[in-house]
Protein backbone atom coordinates (compact mmCIF):
# COMPACT_ATOMS: atom_id res chain seq x y z
CA MET A 1 -0.61 -10.30 -15.32
CA ASP A 2 -3.61 -11.97 -16.94
CA ASN A 3 -7.32 -12.31 -16.09
CA ILE A 4 -6.70 -15.28 -13.77
CA ASP A 5 -4.16 -13.25 -11.78
CA ARG A 6 -6.71 -10.44 -11.54
CA ARG A 7 -9.37 -12.87 -10.27
CA ILE A 8 -6.89 -14.13 -7.68
CA LEU A 9 -6.16 -10.56 -6.54
CA ARG A 10 -9.87 -9.67 -6.31
CA ALA A 11 -10.59 -12.79 -4.27
CA LEU A 12 -7.66 -12.18 -1.89
CA GLN A 13 -8.61 -8.51 -1.45
CA ALA A 14 -12.12 -9.60 -0.49
CA ASN A 15 -10.85 -12.31 1.87
CA GLY A 16 -7.13 -12.68 2.52
CA ARG A 17 -7.76 -15.73 4.71
CA LEU A 18 -8.91 -17.99 1.89
CA THR A 19 -7.10 -21.29 1.83
CA ASN A 20 -5.26 -22.07 -1.36
CA ALA A 21 -7.88 -24.74 -2.15
CA GLU A 22 -10.74 -22.24 -1.71
CA LEU A 23 -8.92 -19.64 -3.76
CA ALA A 24 -8.16 -22.13 -6.54
CA GLN A 25 -11.81 -23.18 -6.68
CA ARG A 26 -13.01 -19.56 -6.87
CA VAL A 27 -10.71 -18.69 -9.76
CA GLY A 28 -11.09 -21.97 -11.65
CA LEU A 29 -7.63 -23.45 -11.18
CA SER A 30 -6.23 -26.50 -9.48
CA ALA A 31 -4.35 -25.88 -6.22
CA SER A 32 -0.75 -26.10 -7.49
CA PRO A 33 -0.99 -23.55 -10.33
CA CYS A 34 -2.98 -21.23 -8.09
CA LEU A 35 -0.36 -21.35 -5.34
CA ARG A 36 2.41 -20.83 -7.91
CA ARG A 37 0.66 -17.70 -9.24
CA VAL A 38 0.17 -16.31 -5.72
CA ARG A 39 3.83 -16.93 -4.86
CA ILE A 40 4.98 -15.21 -8.08
CA MET A 41 2.80 -12.18 -7.27
CA GLU A 42 4.21 -12.08 -3.71
CA GLU A 43 7.82 -12.37 -4.89
CA SER A 44 7.39 -9.74 -7.59
CA GLY A 45 5.85 -7.24 -5.17
CA ILE A 46 2.33 -7.22 -6.61
CA ILE A 47 1.04 -8.67 -3.34
CA THR A 48 2.83 -6.75 -0.58
CA GLY A 49 1.25 -8.34 2.50
CA TYR A 50 -1.81 -9.56 4.34
CA ARG A 51 -3.46 -7.87 7.29
CA ALA A 52 -6.49 -7.87 9.53
CA VAL A 53 -9.13 -5.17 9.13
CA VAL A 54 -10.01 -3.91 12.62
CA SER A 55 -13.28 -2.29 13.61
CA PRO A 56 -12.48 1.23 14.90
CA ALA A 57 -15.45 1.17 17.31
CA ALA A 58 -14.37 -2.18 18.77
CA VAL A 59 -10.99 -0.73 19.78
CA GLY A 60 -12.27 2.65 20.95
CA ARG A 61 -11.13 4.67 17.92
CA SER A 62 -14.29 5.61 16.08
CA PHE A 63 -13.57 9.37 15.88
CA GLU A 64 -11.97 10.05 12.51
CA VAL A 65 -10.44 13.36 11.45
CA TRP A 66 -8.84 14.46 8.20
CA ALA A 67 -6.22 17.08 8.99
CA THR A 68 -4.33 19.20 6.53
CA ILE A 69 -0.92 20.52 7.47
CA GLU A 70 0.99 23.45 6.07
CA LEU A 71 4.71 23.82 6.67
CA GLN A 72 6.54 27.09 7.08
CA SER A 73 9.42 25.94 4.92
CA LYS A 74 9.63 23.24 2.25
CA ASP A 75 13.36 22.62 2.49
CA ARG A 76 14.75 19.08 2.68
CA ASP A 77 15.59 19.21 6.40
CA THR A 78 12.12 20.43 7.40
CA ILE A 79 10.35 17.85 5.26
CA THR A 80 12.59 15.01 6.44
CA SER A 81 12.22 16.01 10.10
CA PHE A 82 8.46 16.47 9.82
CA GLU A 83 7.92 13.12 8.11
CA ALA A 84 10.15 11.25 10.57
CA ALA A 85 8.32 12.77 13.55
CA LEU A 86 4.96 11.98 11.95
CA GLU A 87 5.91 8.29 11.75
CA GLU A 88 6.10 8.25 15.55
CA ILE A 89 2.42 9.16 16.02
CA PRO A 90 0.29 5.98 15.93
CA ASP A 91 -3.00 7.93 15.84
CA VAL A 92 -2.06 9.15 12.35
CA VAL A 93 -3.03 6.10 10.29
CA GLU A 94 -2.52 7.67 6.85
CA ALA A 95 -0.33 10.51 5.69
CA HIS A 96 0.02 11.93 2.20
CA ARG A 97 2.41 14.61 0.95
CA LEU A 98 0.53 16.77 -1.54
CA PHE A 99 1.43 19.06 -4.40
CA GLY A 100 0.48 22.67 -3.70
CA VAL A 101 -1.28 23.87 -0.57
CA PRO A 102 -1.81 22.27 1.89
CA ASP A 103 1.40 20.30 2.15
CA TYR A 104 0.05 17.16 3.87
CA LEU A 105 -3.22 15.32 4.36
CA LEU A 106 -3.47 13.14 7.46
CA ARG A 107 -6.11 10.63 8.50
CA VAL A 108 -6.29 10.49 12.27
CA VAL A 109 -8.29 8.01 14.36
CA VAL A 110 -8.82 8.59 18.07
CA ALA A 111 -11.43 7.91 20.75
CA ASP A 112 -13.22 11.26 20.73
CA ILE A 113 -12.90 15.00 20.15
CA GLY A 114 -11.03 15.47 23.43
CA ALA A 115 -8.40 12.95 22.37
CA TYR A 116 -8.04 14.75 19.04
CA GLU A 117 -7.69 18.13 20.76
CA SER A 118 -4.91 16.71 22.96
CA LEU A 119 -3.19 15.16 19.95
CA CYS A 120 -3.36 18.47 18.09
CA ILE A 121 -2.08 20.60 20.94
CA GLU A 122 0.54 18.21 22.30
CA ARG A 123 1.84 16.50 19.18
CA LEU A 124 0.77 17.89 15.80
CA THR A 125 1.46 21.58 16.51
CA SER A 126 4.93 20.68 17.78
CA LEU A 127 5.98 18.79 14.66
CA PRO A 128 8.90 20.41 12.80
CA GLY A 129 7.86 23.28 10.55
CA VAL A 130 4.09 23.17 11.17
CA THR A 131 2.43 26.56 10.73
CA LYS A 132 -1.19 25.61 10.13
CA ILE A 133 -3.52 22.69 10.87
CA ASN A 134 -7.02 22.49 9.43
CA SER A 135 -9.28 19.68 10.64
CA GLN A 136 -12.34 18.10 9.06
CA ILE A 137 -14.36 15.61 11.09
CA THR A 138 -15.83 12.61 9.31
CA MET A 139 -19.62 12.58 9.65
CA LYS A 140 -20.24 9.26 7.92
CA ARG A 141 -18.06 6.85 5.99
CA LEU A 142 -19.78 6.15 2.69
CA LYS A 143 -17.18 4.01 0.98
CA GLU A 144 -14.14 2.33 2.41
CA HIS A 145 -10.96 1.34 0.66
CA THR A 146 -10.96 -2.44 0.45
CA GLY A 147 -8.47 -2.91 -2.30
CA LEU A 148 -7.45 -1.68 -5.70
CA PRO A 149 -9.54 -2.25 -8.77
CA VAL A 150 -7.84 -5.08 -10.68
């Protein structure tokens, strides 16, 4: 990957809807070589997809919580069962398995505190192996992930 590829990636991360002509102009290439580079990065797995960024407030999900989860047991069956069950909860938009304690960090987006309480009581506490949930409510988002530094 060279500097032109990096410029292509930065431009696409800022606006994934750029036409190939617009992208080529921004990075200083003609259309054909630009498209070829994008296709190579898609085929090699550098670019893994394109998606829309949705406003949480516009869809009634502006209440964000970071929840940490501790499991009673760290055996393969418990971890596999927990992670599979977690995949079935659409309100959990990010999930990370951690080293040490806690075992997991979840980013949850819901409508309000009542919706989060219901999710906690009805879904999260019943996940396989869960012994402890600790929740932190986001006060203000200062910086949002918009892409990797390239």
